[in-house]
Amino acid sequence: MAGLSTMHLKSARAYRIRLALTEFFAQPSVDAAEQYLKRWYCWATHSRLEPIIRVAKTIESHWAGTISWHAKSINNGILEGTNSLIQAAKARARGYRTTDNFITMGYLIPGKLE
């Protein structure tokens, strides 16, 4: 049973670190957000939880973009939605005769044109 409780402790610790990362988005200013993210990064990299450390390193490699999100609050949700529609059209058609036809459908479908 000792292995089971150890697993629960690691899971709980990982979950707390994950929840703490979401607090980054609630910070009142860019400077506060960057300070918060630095503290979170230090906690995550010293957690001895390999998946958490990998996430922290990924955030570190995209540090400027992560901080700039806080300054501009822009995400790529619309782009992902458009890509999803285009991929669905591609799958539905099972291929287009030419690249031009595929590009044309890429414009028509998200624009809800006929």
Protein backbone atom coordinates (compact mmCIF):
# COMPACT_ATOMS: atom_id res chain seq x y z
CA MET A 1 0.00 0.00 0.00
CA ALA A 2 2.94 2.36 0.42
CA GLY A 3 3.29 2.68 -3.36
CA LEU A 4 -0.34 3.70 -3.71
CA SER A 5 -0.11 6.51 -1.16
CA THR A 6 3.10 7.76 -2.77
CA MET A 7 1.31 7.92 -6.09
CA HIS A 8 -1.56 9.89 -4.56
CA LEU A 9 0.89 12.33 -3.02
CA LYS A 10 2.64 12.89 -6.36
CA SER A 11 -0.69 13.33 -8.12
CA ALA A 12 -1.88 15.81 -5.52
CA ARG A 13 1.37 17.74 -5.72
CA ALA A 14 1.21 17.84 -9.53
CA TYR A 15 -2.39 19.01 -9.36
CA ARG A 16 -1.53 21.83 -6.93
CA ILE A 17 1.28 22.99 -9.24
CA ARG A 18 -1.05 22.87 -12.22
CA LEU A 19 -3.72 24.88 -10.39
CA ALA A 20 -1.11 27.41 -9.32
CA LEU A 21 -0.16 27.95 -12.98
CA THR A 22 -3.73 29.01 -13.78
CA GLU A 23 -3.30 31.86 -11.28
CA PHE A 24 -0.82 33.39 -13.74
CA PHE A 25 -3.80 34.49 -15.86
CA ALA A 26 -5.40 36.31 -12.91
CA GLN A 27 -2.41 38.54 -12.16
CA PRO A 28 -3.26 42.26 -12.28
CA SER A 29 -0.31 43.46 -14.36
CA VAL A 30 2.40 42.22 -16.70
CA ASP A 31 5.08 42.78 -14.05
CA ALA A 32 3.11 40.89 -11.41
CA ALA A 33 2.46 38.09 -13.91
CA GLU A 34 6.14 37.77 -14.75
CA GLN A 35 7.13 37.68 -11.08
CA TYR A 36 4.43 35.09 -10.42
CA LEU A 37 5.57 32.97 -13.35
CA LYS A 38 9.19 33.10 -12.13
CA ARG A 39 8.13 31.81 -8.71
CA TRP A 40 5.95 29.14 -10.30
CA TYR A 41 8.78 28.07 -12.61
CA CYS A 42 11.15 27.67 -9.67
CA TRP A 43 8.57 25.59 -7.79
CA ALA A 44 7.83 23.44 -10.84
CA THR A 45 11.46 22.75 -11.74
CA HIS A 46 12.23 21.74 -8.16
CA SER A 47 9.16 19.51 -7.84
CA ARG A 48 10.97 16.28 -8.80
CA LEU A 49 7.96 15.48 -11.01
CA GLU A 50 9.27 14.87 -14.51
CA PRO A 51 6.08 15.81 -16.41
CA ILE A 52 5.81 19.07 -14.46
CA ILE A 53 9.48 19.84 -15.11
CA ARG A 54 8.92 19.28 -18.85
CA VAL A 55 5.98 21.70 -18.83
CA ALA A 56 8.06 24.28 -16.98
CA LYS A 57 10.90 23.93 -19.51
CA THR A 58 8.41 24.34 -22.37
CA ILE A 59 7.09 27.52 -20.78
CA GLU A 60 10.65 28.72 -20.32
CA SER A 61 11.38 28.18 -24.03
CA HIS A 62 8.31 30.32 -24.85
CA TRP A 63 8.78 32.81 -22.03
CA ALA A 64 8.40 36.01 -24.08
CA GLY A 65 5.22 34.76 -25.74
CA THR A 66 3.74 33.66 -22.44
CA ILE A 67 4.36 37.06 -20.88
CA SER A 68 3.14 38.88 -23.98
CA TRP A 69 -0.15 36.96 -23.74
CA HIS A 70 -0.69 38.65 -20.41
CA ALA A 71 -0.01 42.05 -21.96
CA LYS A 72 -2.33 41.54 -24.95
CA SER A 73 -4.71 38.74 -23.84
CA ILE A 74 -4.84 37.36 -27.38
CA ASN A 75 -5.16 33.64 -28.01
CA ASN A 76 -5.38 31.50 -31.11
CA GLY A 77 -8.86 30.08 -30.49
CA ILE A 78 -10.32 31.52 -33.69
CA LEU A 79 -7.42 30.17 -35.71
CA GLU A 80 -7.85 26.70 -34.17
CA GLY A 81 -11.57 26.77 -34.93
CA THR A 82 -10.94 27.72 -38.54
CA ASN A 83 -8.33 25.00 -38.88
CA SER A 84 -10.81 22.48 -37.50
CA LEU A 85 -13.38 23.46 -40.14
CA ILE A 86 -10.81 23.18 -42.93
CA GLN A 87 -9.62 19.78 -41.71
CA ALA A 88 -13.23 18.56 -41.57
CA ALA A 89 -13.79 19.73 -45.16
CA LYS A 90 -10.61 17.96 -46.22
CA ALA A 91 -11.72 14.70 -44.59
CA ARG A 92 -15.24 14.99 -45.96
CA ALA A 93 -14.03 15.46 -49.54
CA ARG A 94 -11.30 12.80 -49.29
CA GLY A 95 -9.06 15.01 -51.37
CA TYR A 96 -9.37 17.77 -53.93
CA ARG A 97 -8.22 17.65 -57.54
CA THR A 98 -5.98 20.67 -57.21
CA THR A 99 -4.42 22.71 -54.46
CA ASP A 100 -6.35 25.74 -55.73
CA ASN A 101 -9.66 23.92 -55.14
CA PHE A 102 -8.62 23.07 -51.58
CA ILE A 103 -7.55 26.66 -50.89
CA THR A 104 -10.86 27.94 -52.30
CA MET A 105 -12.78 25.61 -49.98
CA GLY A 106 -10.58 26.84 -47.14
CA TYR A 107 -11.95 30.33 -47.74
CA LEU A 108 -15.56 29.32 -48.41
CA ILE A 109 -16.22 27.05 -45.44
CA PRO A 110 -15.09 29.27 -42.53
CA GLY A 111 -16.77 32.22 -44.23
CA LYS A 112 -20.01 30.21 -44.38
CA LEU A 113 -20.31 31.00 -48.06
CA GLU A 114 -21.90 28.71 -50.64
